[in-house]
Amino acid sequence: MGLLVGMLITEANASERLGAIVVLHEASEKLQNLKVVWVDQGYSGKHFAENVKKVCGEKVQVEVIKRNSSDFEVLPKRWIVERTFGWLNRFRRLSKDYELFTEFSTAMIYGSLIRVMTRRLACF
């Protein structure tokens, strides 16, 4: 099982659901064997799931990771995203939105993730 993570940086007033569809559309040739898309509650809804199926194929299921109680609980698969945000917050340049253009923000995020992965590979 492989994990494909896409990234799109947009303006603050852009729709997250539309951004998700754009990311999936741009990576559509790599998504031929995609079976499940995990999303949080912000992406729930029949319309979003239908658009994902249009882009990725009818076999794809959209699973919404829901919080079942008001108490703290670890949500399956959501920790992957939260952990990545935690790694990125260690970089001072990414702690605030200092960049003027989204291309610079994207480059800083890619650079930071390359550094994290290189350090992890060096430990093996």
N, C-alpha and C. Protein backbone atom coordinates (compact mmCIF):
# COMPACT_ATOMS: atom_id res chain seq x y z
N MET A 1 0.85 -1.18 0.00
CA MET A 1 0.00 0.00 0.00
C MET A 1 0.89 1.23 0.00
N GLY A 2 0.72 2.09 -0.97
CA GLY A 2 1.47 3.32 -1.03
C GLY A 2 0.65 4.48 -0.55
N LEU A 3 1.34 5.52 -0.16
CA LEU A 3 0.67 6.71 0.33
C LEU A 3 1.09 7.87 -0.56
N LEU A 4 0.12 8.51 -1.19
CA LEU A 4 0.39 9.65 -2.04
C LEU A 4 -0.14 10.89 -1.35
N VAL A 5 0.73 11.83 -1.15
CA VAL A 5 0.33 13.07 -0.49
C VAL A 5 0.51 14.20 -1.49
N GLY A 6 -0.55 14.93 -1.72
CA GLY A 6 -0.49 16.07 -2.62
C GLY A 6 -0.52 17.36 -1.83
N MET A 7 -0.01 18.43 -2.43
CA MET A 7 0.02 19.70 -1.74
C MET A 7 -0.32 20.81 -2.73
N LEU A 8 -1.16 21.72 -2.30
CA LEU A 8 -1.52 22.88 -3.08
C LEU A 8 -1.64 24.04 -2.11
N ILE A 9 -0.96 25.12 -2.37
CA ILE A 9 -1.04 26.30 -1.52
C ILE A 9 -1.83 27.35 -2.27
N THR A 10 -2.87 27.86 -1.62
CA THR A 10 -3.75 28.84 -2.25
C THR A 10 -3.90 30.05 -1.33
N GLU A 11 -4.65 31.01 -1.81
CA GLU A 11 -4.96 32.18 -1.00
C GLU A 11 -5.89 31.76 0.13
N ALA A 12 -6.00 32.58 1.14
CA ALA A 12 -6.80 32.23 2.32
C ALA A 12 -8.29 32.14 1.99
N ASN A 13 -8.76 32.85 0.98
CA ASN A 13 -10.19 32.84 0.68
C ASN A 13 -10.57 31.75 -0.33
N ALA A 14 -9.64 30.88 -0.70
CA ALA A 14 -9.93 29.81 -1.65
C ALA A 14 -10.59 28.63 -0.94
N SER A 15 -11.48 27.95 -1.62
CA SER A 15 -12.19 26.81 -1.06
C SER A 15 -11.26 25.61 -0.91
N GLU A 16 -11.26 25.00 0.27
CA GLU A 16 -10.43 23.82 0.50
C GLU A 16 -10.92 22.63 -0.32
N ARG A 17 -12.22 22.51 -0.46
CA ARG A 17 -12.77 21.40 -1.25
C ARG A 17 -12.35 21.51 -2.70
N LEU A 18 -12.41 22.71 -3.25
CA LEU A 18 -11.97 22.91 -4.64
C LEU A 18 -10.48 22.63 -4.76
N GLY A 19 -9.71 23.05 -3.78
CA GLY A 19 -8.27 22.78 -3.79
C GLY A 19 -7.97 21.30 -3.78
N ALA A 20 -8.74 20.53 -3.02
CA ALA A 20 -8.54 19.08 -2.99
C ALA A 20 -8.82 18.45 -4.35
N ILE A 21 -9.87 18.92 -5.01
CA ILE A 21 -10.19 18.40 -6.35
C ILE A 21 -9.08 18.76 -7.34
N VAL A 22 -8.54 19.97 -7.23
CA VAL A 22 -7.44 20.38 -8.12
C VAL A 22 -6.22 19.49 -7.91
N VAL A 23 -5.87 19.21 -6.65
CA VAL A 23 -4.72 18.34 -6.36
C VAL A 23 -4.94 16.95 -6.95
N LEU A 24 -6.13 16.40 -6.75
CA LEU A 24 -6.43 15.08 -7.30
C LEU A 24 -6.40 15.08 -8.82
N HIS A 25 -6.91 16.14 -9.43
CA HIS A 25 -6.92 16.23 -10.89
C HIS A 25 -5.50 16.31 -11.45
N GLU A 26 -4.64 17.10 -10.80
CA GLU A 26 -3.26 17.24 -11.28
C GLU A 26 -2.46 15.94 -11.16
N ALA A 27 -2.84 15.10 -10.20
CA ALA A 27 -2.12 13.83 -10.01
C ALA A 27 -2.92 12.65 -10.54
N SER A 28 -3.87 12.90 -11.42
CA SER A 28 -4.80 11.84 -11.85
C SER A 28 -4.10 10.65 -12.52
N GLU A 29 -3.01 10.87 -13.24
CA GLU A 29 -2.35 9.74 -13.89
C GLU A 29 -1.66 8.83 -12.87
N LYS A 30 -1.35 9.34 -11.67
CA LYS A 30 -0.74 8.53 -10.63
C LYS A 30 -1.79 7.86 -9.75
N LEU A 31 -3.05 8.18 -9.97
CA LEU A 31 -4.11 7.72 -9.08
C LEU A 31 -4.94 6.59 -9.67
N GLN A 32 -4.42 5.87 -10.63
CA GLN A 32 -5.19 4.83 -11.28
C GLN A 32 -5.55 3.69 -10.33
N ASN A 33 -4.72 3.43 -9.33
CA ASN A 33 -4.97 2.34 -8.38
C ASN A 33 -5.49 2.85 -7.04
N LEU A 34 -5.89 4.10 -6.99
CA LEU A 34 -6.38 4.69 -5.75
C LEU A 34 -7.68 4.03 -5.32
N LYS A 35 -7.75 3.68 -4.03
CA LYS A 35 -8.94 3.01 -3.51
C LYS A 35 -9.69 3.86 -2.49
N VAL A 36 -8.94 4.57 -1.62
CA VAL A 36 -9.56 5.31 -0.53
C VAL A 36 -8.93 6.70 -0.42
N VAL A 37 -9.77 7.70 -0.20
CA VAL A 37 -9.32 9.06 0.09
C VAL A 37 -9.81 9.37 1.50
N TRP A 38 -8.88 9.62 2.43
CA TRP A 38 -9.25 9.96 3.80
C TRP A 38 -9.33 11.47 3.93
N VAL A 39 -10.41 11.96 4.47
CA VAL A 39 -10.60 13.40 4.66
C VAL A 39 -11.17 13.65 6.05
N ASP A 40 -11.05 14.90 6.51
CA ASP A 40 -11.68 15.23 7.79
C ASP A 40 -13.09 15.75 7.53
N GLN A 41 -13.77 16.15 8.58
CA GLN A 41 -15.18 16.50 8.48
C GLN A 41 -15.44 17.72 7.59
N GLY A 42 -14.44 18.53 7.37
CA GLY A 42 -14.61 19.69 6.50
C GLY A 42 -14.87 19.31 5.05
N TYR A 43 -14.55 18.08 4.69
CA TYR A 43 -14.73 17.63 3.31
C TYR A 43 -15.91 16.67 3.17
N SER A 44 -16.72 16.54 4.19
CA SER A 44 -17.84 15.62 4.11
C SER A 44 -18.90 16.18 3.18
N GLY A 45 -19.70 15.31 2.67
CA GLY A 45 -20.79 15.72 1.78
C GLY A 45 -20.80 14.92 0.49
N LYS A 46 -21.99 14.74 -0.02
CA LYS A 46 -22.18 13.94 -1.22
C LYS A 46 -21.54 14.60 -2.45
N HIS A 47 -21.64 15.92 -2.55
CA HIS A 47 -21.11 16.64 -3.72
C HIS A 47 -19.59 16.47 -3.85
N PHE A 48 -18.87 16.58 -2.72
CA PHE A 48 -17.42 16.40 -2.74
C PHE A 48 -17.06 14.98 -3.15
N ALA A 49 -17.75 13.99 -2.58
CA ALA A 49 -17.47 12.59 -2.91
C ALA A 49 -17.73 12.31 -4.39
N GLU A 50 -18.78 12.90 -4.95
CA GLU A 50 -19.08 12.71 -6.38
C GLU A 50 -17.98 13.31 -7.24
N ASN A 51 -17.46 14.49 -6.87
CA ASN A 51 -16.38 15.10 -7.64
C ASN A 51 -15.10 14.28 -7.57
N VAL A 52 -14.82 13.70 -6.41
CA VAL A 52 -13.64 12.84 -6.28
C VAL A 52 -13.78 11.64 -7.21
N LYS A 53 -14.96 11.06 -7.27
CA LYS A 53 -15.19 9.90 -8.14
C LYS A 53 -15.07 10.29 -9.62
N LYS A 54 -15.48 11.50 -9.98
CA LYS A 54 -15.33 11.96 -11.37
C LYS A 54 -13.86 12.06 -11.75
N VAL A 55 -13.05 12.54 -10.82
CA VAL A 55 -11.63 12.76 -11.11
C VAL A 55 -10.84 11.46 -11.02
N CYS A 56 -11.13 10.64 -10.00
CA CYS A 56 -10.29 9.47 -9.70
C CYS A 56 -10.87 8.14 -10.14
N GLY A 57 -12.13 8.12 -10.53
CA GLY A 57 -12.76 6.88 -10.94
C GLY A 57 -13.82 6.45 -9.95
N GLU A 58 -14.71 5.60 -10.43
CA GLU A 58 -15.87 5.19 -9.63
C GLU A 58 -15.51 4.25 -8.47
N LYS A 59 -14.35 3.60 -8.53
CA LYS A 59 -13.98 2.65 -7.48
C LYS A 59 -13.51 3.34 -6.19
N VAL A 60 -13.20 4.60 -6.26
CA VAL A 60 -12.64 5.33 -5.12
C VAL A 60 -13.71 5.60 -4.07
N GLN A 61 -13.35 5.35 -2.81
CA GLN A 61 -14.22 5.65 -1.70
C GLN A 61 -13.67 6.85 -0.94
N VAL A 62 -14.54 7.76 -0.52
CA VAL A 62 -14.15 8.89 0.31
C VAL A 62 -14.56 8.55 1.74
N GLU A 63 -13.56 8.41 2.63
CA GLU A 63 -13.83 8.11 4.03
C GLU A 63 -13.61 9.36 4.86
N VAL A 64 -14.65 9.78 5.55
CA VAL A 64 -14.57 10.93 6.43
C VAL A 64 -14.19 10.44 7.82
N ILE A 65 -13.07 10.94 8.34
CA ILE A 65 -12.62 10.58 9.68
C ILE A 65 -13.36 11.48 10.65
N LYS A 66 -14.28 10.89 11.43
CA LYS A 66 -15.14 11.67 12.31
C LYS A 66 -14.74 11.52 13.77
N ARG A 67 -14.96 12.58 14.48
CA ARG A 67 -14.77 12.57 15.93
C ARG A 67 -16.06 12.06 16.55
N ASN A 68 -15.98 10.99 17.36
CA ASN A 68 -17.18 10.36 17.92
C ASN A 68 -17.58 10.91 19.28
N SER A 69 -16.66 11.55 20.00
CA SER A 69 -16.99 12.05 21.33
C SER A 69 -16.37 13.43 21.51
N SER A 70 -16.80 14.10 22.58
CA SER A 70 -16.24 15.42 22.86
C SER A 70 -14.90 15.31 23.57
N ASP A 71 -14.57 14.12 24.09
CA ASP A 71 -13.28 13.90 24.75
C ASP A 71 -12.19 13.70 23.71
N PHE A 72 -10.95 13.85 24.14
CA PHE A 72 -9.82 13.63 23.24
C PHE A 72 -9.76 12.16 22.84
N GLU A 73 -9.55 11.93 21.57
CA GLU A 73 -9.31 10.58 21.07
C GLU A 73 -8.41 10.67 19.84
N VAL A 74 -7.57 9.69 19.67
CA VAL A 74 -6.71 9.64 18.51
C VAL A 74 -7.54 9.16 17.33
N LEU A 75 -7.57 9.96 16.27
CA LEU A 75 -8.34 9.58 15.09
C LEU A 75 -7.44 8.84 14.12
N PRO A 76 -7.86 7.69 13.62
CA PRO A 76 -7.01 6.93 12.71
C PRO A 76 -6.73 7.72 11.43
N LYS A 77 -5.51 7.64 10.97
CA LYS A 77 -5.01 8.25 9.74
C LYS A 77 -4.86 9.77 9.84
N ARG A 78 -5.58 10.42 10.72
CA ARG A 78 -5.45 11.87 10.84
C ARG A 78 -4.10 12.26 11.42
N TRP A 79 -3.50 11.39 12.22
CA TRP A 79 -2.21 11.69 12.82
C TRP A 79 -1.13 11.90 11.77
N ILE A 80 -1.30 11.32 10.58
CA ILE A 80 -0.31 11.49 9.52
C ILE A 80 -0.19 12.97 9.15
N VAL A 81 -1.32 13.62 8.96
CA VAL A 81 -1.34 15.03 8.60
C VAL A 81 -0.87 15.88 9.77
N GLU A 82 -1.39 15.61 10.96
CA GLU A 82 -1.03 16.40 12.14
C GLU A 82 0.46 16.28 12.44
N ARG A 83 1.03 15.09 12.27
CA ARG A 83 2.46 14.89 12.50
C ARG A 83 3.28 15.72 11.51
N THR A 84 2.84 15.74 10.26
CA THR A 84 3.55 16.51 9.24
C THR A 84 3.51 18.00 9.56
N PHE A 85 2.34 18.50 10.00
CA PHE A 85 2.26 19.90 10.40
C PHE A 85 3.18 20.18 11.59
N GLY A 86 3.27 19.24 12.51
CA GLY A 86 4.18 19.39 13.64
C GLY A 86 5.63 19.50 13.20
N TRP A 87 6.03 18.67 12.24
CA TRP A 87 7.38 18.76 11.70
C TRP A 87 7.63 20.12 11.06
N LEU A 88 6.66 20.60 10.29
CA LEU A 88 6.83 21.87 9.59
C LEU A 88 6.88 23.05 10.55
N ASN A 89 6.18 22.97 11.68
CA ASN A 89 6.18 24.08 12.63
C ASN A 89 7.51 24.24 13.34
N ARG A 90 8.38 23.27 13.24
CA ARG A 90 9.72 23.41 13.83
C ARG A 90 10.61 24.37 13.04
N PHE A 91 10.23 24.66 11.82
CA PHE A 91 11.01 25.56 10.98
C PHE A 91 10.49 26.99 11.17
N ARG A 92 11.37 27.86 11.63
CA ARG A 92 10.95 29.22 11.99
C ARG A 92 10.34 29.96 10.83
N ARG A 93 10.84 29.77 9.65
CA ARG A 93 10.33 30.48 8.48
C ARG A 93 8.90 30.07 8.15
N LEU A 94 8.50 28.89 8.58
CA LEU A 94 7.15 28.42 8.32
C LEU A 94 6.19 28.68 9.47
N SER A 95 6.70 29.24 10.57
CA SER A 95 5.84 29.47 11.73
C SER A 95 4.80 30.56 11.48
N LYS A 96 5.11 31.48 10.62
CA LYS A 96 4.18 32.54 10.22
C LYS A 96 4.19 32.61 8.69
N ASP A 97 3.22 33.27 8.14
CA ASP A 97 3.16 33.40 6.68
C ASP A 97 3.91 34.66 6.27
N TYR A 98 5.24 34.53 6.12
CA TYR A 98 6.08 35.66 5.76
C TYR A 98 6.15 35.90 4.26
N GLU A 99 5.84 34.88 3.47
CA GLU A 99 6.07 34.94 2.04
C GLU A 99 5.02 35.79 1.33
N LEU A 100 5.45 36.49 0.30
CA LEU A 100 4.56 37.32 -0.49
C LEU A 100 3.80 36.49 -1.52
N PHE A 101 4.47 35.52 -2.11
CA PHE A 101 3.87 34.70 -3.16
C PHE A 101 3.72 33.25 -2.69
N THR A 102 2.66 32.60 -3.16
CA THR A 102 2.43 31.21 -2.76
C THR A 102 3.53 30.28 -3.29
N GLU A 103 4.18 30.65 -4.39
CA GLU A 103 5.27 29.83 -4.92
C GLU A 103 6.42 29.75 -3.93
N PHE A 104 6.70 30.85 -3.23
CA PHE A 104 7.77 30.85 -2.23
C PHE A 104 7.39 29.98 -1.03
N SER A 105 6.12 30.06 -0.62
CA SER A 105 5.65 29.22 0.48
C SER A 105 5.78 27.74 0.11
N THR A 106 5.38 27.42 -1.11
CA THR A 106 5.49 26.04 -1.58
C THR A 106 6.93 25.57 -1.56
N ALA A 107 7.83 26.40 -2.04
CA ALA A 107 9.25 26.04 -2.07
C ALA A 107 9.80 25.84 -0.65
N MET A 108 9.39 26.68 0.29
CA MET A 108 9.85 26.53 1.67
C MET A 108 9.33 25.24 2.29
N ILE A 109 8.10 24.89 2.00
CA ILE A 109 7.54 23.65 2.54
C ILE A 109 8.25 22.44 1.94
N TYR A 110 8.45 22.44 0.62
CA TYR A 110 9.18 21.33 -0.01
C TYR A 110 10.60 21.23 0.54
N GLY A 111 11.27 22.35 0.68
CA GLY A 111 12.63 22.35 1.22
C GLY A 111 12.68 21.79 2.63
N SER A 112 11.72 22.19 3.45
CA SER A 112 11.67 21.70 4.83
C SER A 112 11.40 20.21 4.88
N LEU A 113 10.46 19.73 4.06
CA LEU A 113 10.17 18.30 4.04
C LEU A 113 11.34 17.48 3.50
N ILE A 114 12.06 18.04 2.53
CA ILE A 114 13.26 17.35 2.02
C ILE A 114 14.29 17.22 3.14
N ARG A 115 14.45 18.29 3.94
CA ARG A 115 15.39 18.23 5.06
C ARG A 115 14.97 17.19 6.08
N VAL A 116 13.68 17.15 6.42
CA VAL A 116 13.20 16.17 7.38
C VAL A 116 13.44 14.75 6.88
N MET A 117 13.11 14.48 5.63
CA MET A 117 13.28 13.14 5.10
C MET A 117 14.75 12.75 4.94
N THR A 118 15.60 13.70 4.57
CA THR A 118 17.03 13.43 4.45
C THR A 118 17.62 13.07 5.81
N ARG A 119 17.23 13.79 6.84
CA ARG A 119 17.72 13.49 8.19
C ARG A 119 17.23 12.12 8.64
N ARG A 120 16.01 11.76 8.30
CA ARG A 120 15.49 10.45 8.68
C ARG A 120 16.23 9.33 7.95
N LEU A 121 16.54 9.55 6.67
CA LEU A 121 17.28 8.54 5.92
C LEU A 121 18.71 8.41 6.43
N ALA A 122 19.30 9.51 6.87
CA ALA A 122 20.68 9.48 7.38
C ALA A 122 20.78 8.69 8.67
N CYS A 123 19.69 8.59 9.41
CA CYS A 123 19.70 7.86 10.69
C CYS A 123 19.71 6.36 10.49
N PHE A 124 19.34 5.88 9.32
CA PHE A 124 19.27 4.43 9.10
C PHE A 124 20.61 3.89 8.82
